[in-house]
C-alpha atoms as a PDB file:
ATOM      1  CA  UNK A   1      30.728 -61.782  79.614  1.00  0.00           C
ATOM      2  CA  UNK A   2      31.940 -63.590  82.665  1.00  0.00           C
ATOM      3  CA  UNK A   3      29.993 -62.034  85.469  1.00  0.00           C
ATOM      4  CA  UNK A   4      28.368 -59.154  87.254  1.00  0.00           C
ATOM      5  CA  UNK A   5      30.097 -56.976  89.819  1.00  0.00           C
ATOM      6  CA  UNK A   6      27.852 -54.975  92.121  1.00  0.00           C
ATOM      7  CA  UNK A   7      29.214 -52.027  94.100  1.00  0.00           C
ATOM      8  CA  UNK A   8      25.952 -50.616  95.408  1.00  0.00           C
ATOM      9  CA  UNK A   9      22.974 -52.009  97.221  1.00  0.00           C
ATOM     10  CA  UNK A  10      21.342 -53.761  94.254  1.00  0.00           C
ATOM     11  CA  UNK A  11      19.834 -57.109  95.219  1.00  0.00           C
ATOM     12  CA  UNK A  12      20.611 -59.548  92.412  1.00  0.00           C
ATOM     13  CA  UNK A  13      18.533 -62.202  94.170  1.00  0.00           C
ATOM     14  CA  UNK A  14      15.398 -60.082  94.393  1.00  0.00           C
ATOM     15  CA  UNK A  15      12.595 -62.108  92.750  1.00  0.00           C
ATOM     16  CA  UNK A  16      11.957 -59.367  90.168  1.00  0.00           C
ATOM     17  CA  UNK A  17      15.639 -59.323  89.181  1.00  0.00           C
ATOM     18  CA  UNK A  18      15.835 -63.110  88.958  1.00  0.00           C
ATOM     19  CA  UNK A  19      12.661 -63.227  86.853  1.00  0.00           C
ATOM     20  CA  UNK A  20      13.937 -60.478  84.519  1.00  0.00           C
ATOM     21  CA  UNK A  21      17.161 -62.400  83.844  1.00  0.00           C
ATOM     22  CA  UNK A  22      15.233 -65.527  82.830  1.00  0.00           C
ATOM     23  CA  UNK A  23      17.737 -67.684  84.715  1.00  0.00           C
ATOM     24  CA  UNK A  24      20.883 -66.064  83.306  1.00  0.00           C
ATOM     25  CA  UNK A  25      22.110 -65.225  86.822  1.00  0.00           C
ATOM     26  CA  UNK A  26      22.772 -68.939  87.391  1.00  0.00           C
ATOM     27  CA  UNK A  27      25.313 -68.923  84.527  1.00  0.00           C
ATOM     28  CA  UNK A  28      27.259 -65.865  85.728  1.00  0.00           C
ATOM     29  CA  UNK A  29      29.778 -65.142  88.431  1.00  0.00           C
ATOM     30  CA  UNK A  30      28.280 -62.657  90.904  1.00  0.00           C
ATOM     31  CA  UNK A  31      30.558 -60.459  93.025  1.00  0.00           C
ATOM     32  CA  UNK A  32      29.818 -57.689  95.500  1.00  0.00           C
ATOM     33  CA  UNK A  33      32.652 -55.282  96.222  1.00  0.00           C
ATOM     34  CA  UNK A  34      33.370 -51.666  97.016  1.00  0.00           C
ATOM     35  CA  UNK A  35      34.079 -49.079  94.301  1.00  0.00           C
ATOM     36  CA  UNK A  36      37.665 -48.764  95.594  1.00  0.00           C
ATOM     37  CA  UNK A  37      38.220 -52.543  95.419  1.00  0.00           C
ATOM     38  CA  UNK A  38      36.729 -52.664  91.914  1.00  0.00           C
ATOM     39  CA  UNK A  39      39.124 -50.019  90.614  1.00  0.00           C
ATOM     40  CA  UNK A  40      42.075 -51.794  92.267  1.00  0.00           C
ATOM     41  CA  UNK A  41      41.037 -55.117  90.677  1.00  0.00           C
ATOM     42  CA  UNK A  42      40.768 -53.568  87.211  1.00  0.00           C
ATOM     43  CA  UNK A  43      44.187 -51.921  87.571  1.00  0.00           C
ATOM     44  CA  UNK A  44      45.824 -55.141  88.828  1.00  0.00           C
ATOM     45  CA  UNK A  45      44.411 -57.075  85.875  1.00  0.00           C
ATOM     46  CA  UNK A  46      45.599 -54.406  83.412  1.00  0.00           C
ATOM     47  CA  UNK A  47      42.028 -53.999  82.305  1.00  0.00           C
ATOM     48  CA  UNK A  48      40.076 -50.910  81.365  1.00  0.00           C
ATOM     49  CA  UNK A  49      37.136 -49.380  83.155  1.00  0.00           C
ATOM     50  CA  UNK A  50      34.606 -48.097  80.647  1.00  0.00           C
ATOM     51  CA  UNK A  51      31.597 -46.153  81.838  1.00  0.00           C
ATOM     52  CA  UNK A  52      28.379 -45.304  80.040  1.00  0.00           C
ATOM     53  CA  UNK A  53      26.849 -41.842  80.378  1.00  0.00           C
ATOM     54  CA  UNK A  54      24.703 -39.587  78.161  1.00  0.00           C
ATOM     55  CA  UNK A  55      27.573 -37.071  78.045  1.00  0.00           C
ATOM     56  CA  UNK A  56      30.265 -39.661  77.258  1.00  0.00           C
ATOM     57  CA  UNK A  57      33.065 -38.551  74.978  1.00  0.00           C
ATOM     58  CA  UNK A  58      33.039 -41.506  72.569  1.00  0.00           C
ATOM     59  CA  UNK A  59      30.387 -43.486  70.717  1.00  0.00           C
ATOM     60  CA  UNK A  60      30.207 -46.908  72.390  1.00  0.00           C
ATOM     61  CA  UNK A  61      30.765 -48.590  69.006  1.00  0.00           C
ATOM     62  CA  UNK A  62      33.969 -46.646  68.288  1.00  0.00           C
ATOM     63  CA  UNK A  63      36.191 -48.252  70.919  1.00  0.00           C
ATOM     64  CA  UNK A  64      37.729 -51.699  71.250  1.00  0.00           C
ATOM     65  CA  UNK A  65      36.453 -54.123  73.882  1.00  0.00           C
ATOM     66  CA  UNK A  66      38.951 -56.843  72.964  1.00  0.00           C
ATOM     67  CA  UNK A  67      41.210 -56.358  75.995  1.00  0.00           C
ATOM     68  CA  UNK A  68      40.053 -57.085  79.557  1.00  0.00           C
ATOM     69  CA  UNK A  69      37.218 -54.622  80.131  1.00  0.00           C
ATOM     70  CA  UNK A  70      34.788 -53.785  82.897  1.00  0.00           C
ATOM     71  CA  UNK A  71      31.699 -51.941  81.689  1.00  0.00           C
ATOM     72  CA  UNK A  72      30.260 -49.682  84.350  1.00  0.00           C
ATOM     73  CA  UNK A  73      26.658 -48.495  84.244  1.00  0.00           C
ATOM     74  CA  UNK A  74      25.337 -46.299  87.020  1.00  0.00           C
ATOM     75  CA  UNK A  75      21.920 -46.173  88.541  1.00  0.00           C
ATOM     76  CA  UNK A  76      19.066 -44.993  86.348  1.00  0.00           C
ATOM     77  CA  UNK A  77      18.321 -42.149  88.708  1.00  0.00           C
ATOM     78  CA  UNK A  78      21.775 -40.710  89.405  1.00  0.00           C
ATOM     79  CA  UNK A  79      24.157 -42.329  86.924  1.00  0.00           C
ATOM     80  CA  UNK A  80      27.779 -43.136  87.742  1.00  0.00           C
ATOM     81  CA  UNK A  81      29.076 -41.596  90.968  1.00  0.00           C
ATOM     82  CA  UNK A  82      31.624 -38.783  90.734  1.00  0.00           C
ATOM     83  CA  UNK A  83      34.264 -40.965  92.385  1.00  0.00           C
ATOM     84  CA  UNK A  84      33.783 -43.761  89.871  1.00  0.00           C
ATOM     85  CA  UNK A  85      33.676 -41.323  86.941  1.00  0.00           C
ATOM     86  CA  UNK A  86      37.082 -40.055  88.014  1.00  0.00           C
ATOM     87  CA  UNK A  87      38.437 -43.619  87.805  1.00  0.00           C
ATOM     88  CA  UNK A  88      37.098 -44.364  84.299  1.00  0.00           C
ATOM     89  CA  UNK A  89      39.515 -44.890  81.444  1.00  0.00           C
ATOM     90  CA  UNK A  90      36.855 -44.054  78.857  1.00  0.00           C
ATOM     91  CA  UNK A  91      33.321 -42.684  79.082  1.00  0.00           C
ATOM     92  CA  UNK A  92      31.089 -43.786  76.216  1.00  0.00           C
ATOM     93  CA  UNK A  93      27.667 -42.678  75.081  1.00  0.00           C
ATOM     94  CA  UNK A  94      24.900 -44.332  73.122  1.00  0.00           C
ATOM     95  CA  UNK A  95      23.845 -41.878  70.411  1.00  0.00           C
ATOM     96  CA  UNK A  96      20.208 -40.867  70.785  1.00  0.00           C
ATOM     97  CA  UNK A  97      17.849 -38.983  68.507  1.00  0.00           C
ATOM     98  CA  UNK A  98      14.731 -37.026  69.285  1.00  0.00           C
ATOM     99  CA  UNK A  99      13.737 -35.870  72.733  1.00  0.00           C
ATOM    100  CA  UNK A 100      14.997 -38.953  74.613  1.00  0.00           C
ATOM    101  CA  UNK A 101      18.480 -38.469  76.056  1.00  0.00           C
ATOM    102  CA  UNK A 102      19.164 -41.926  77.484  1.00  0.00           C
ATOM    103  CA  UNK A 103      18.040 -45.546  77.705  1.00  0.00           C
ATOM    104  CA  UNK A 104      17.254 -47.524  80.812  1.00  0.00           C
ATOM    105  CA  UNK A 105      20.071 -49.366  82.533  1.00  0.00           C
ATOM    106  CA  UNK A 106      19.244 -52.820  81.161  1.00  0.00           C
ATOM    107  CA  UNK A 107      19.010 -51.679  77.547  1.00  0.00           C
ATOM    108  CA  UNK A 108      22.117 -49.485  77.675  1.00  0.00           C
ATOM    109  CA  UNK A 109      24.181 -52.193  79.346  1.00  0.00           C
ATOM    110  CA  UNK A 110      22.933 -54.810  76.903  1.00  0.00           C
ATOM    111  CA  UNK A 111      23.884 -52.743  73.868  1.00  0.00           C
ATOM    112  CA  UNK A 112      27.408 -52.180  75.139  1.00  0.00           C
ATOM    113  CA  UNK A 113      27.893 -55.800  76.202  1.00  0.00           C
ATOM    114  CA  UNK A 114      26.637 -57.030  72.844  1.00  0.00           C
ATOM    115  CA  UNK A 115      29.132 -54.767  71.082  1.00  0.00           C
ATOM    116  CA  UNK A 116      31.895 -56.267  73.243  1.00  0.00           C
ATOM    117  CA  UNK A 117      30.656 -59.763  72.429  1.00  0.00           C
ATOM    118  CA  UNK A 118      30.522 -59.030  68.687  1.00  0.00           C
ATOM    119  CA  UNK A 119      34.063 -57.650  68.669  1.00  0.00           C
ATOM    120  CA  UNK A 120      35.412 -60.686  70.490  1.00  0.00           C
ATOM    121  CA  UNK A 121      33.702 -63.168  68.204  1.00  0.00           C
END
């Protein structure tokens, strides 16, 4: 993982966010951009835009993260916007059992990023 790209109004320097990262923000590149600019950047870099959603078509463990990849996770309340979903190359899901249909943003993102890390190791 090289950095975090924010397209919404999330405040990465909010004290609660900084505390939750246990200092990891200092080791990452932080970028704020628009959704349109993010998609253009991914396309220029010949990367893939992979989004996570409960109704994703593929298990997050069943795809390769070895090529340049941007993992997109939407807000916990409303998920990935329709415009960004339309730009995704792949939509993945984290299989769930029981009555729970999704995980919170931090857990879901962490699982997917760890899978990417494991594949690249």
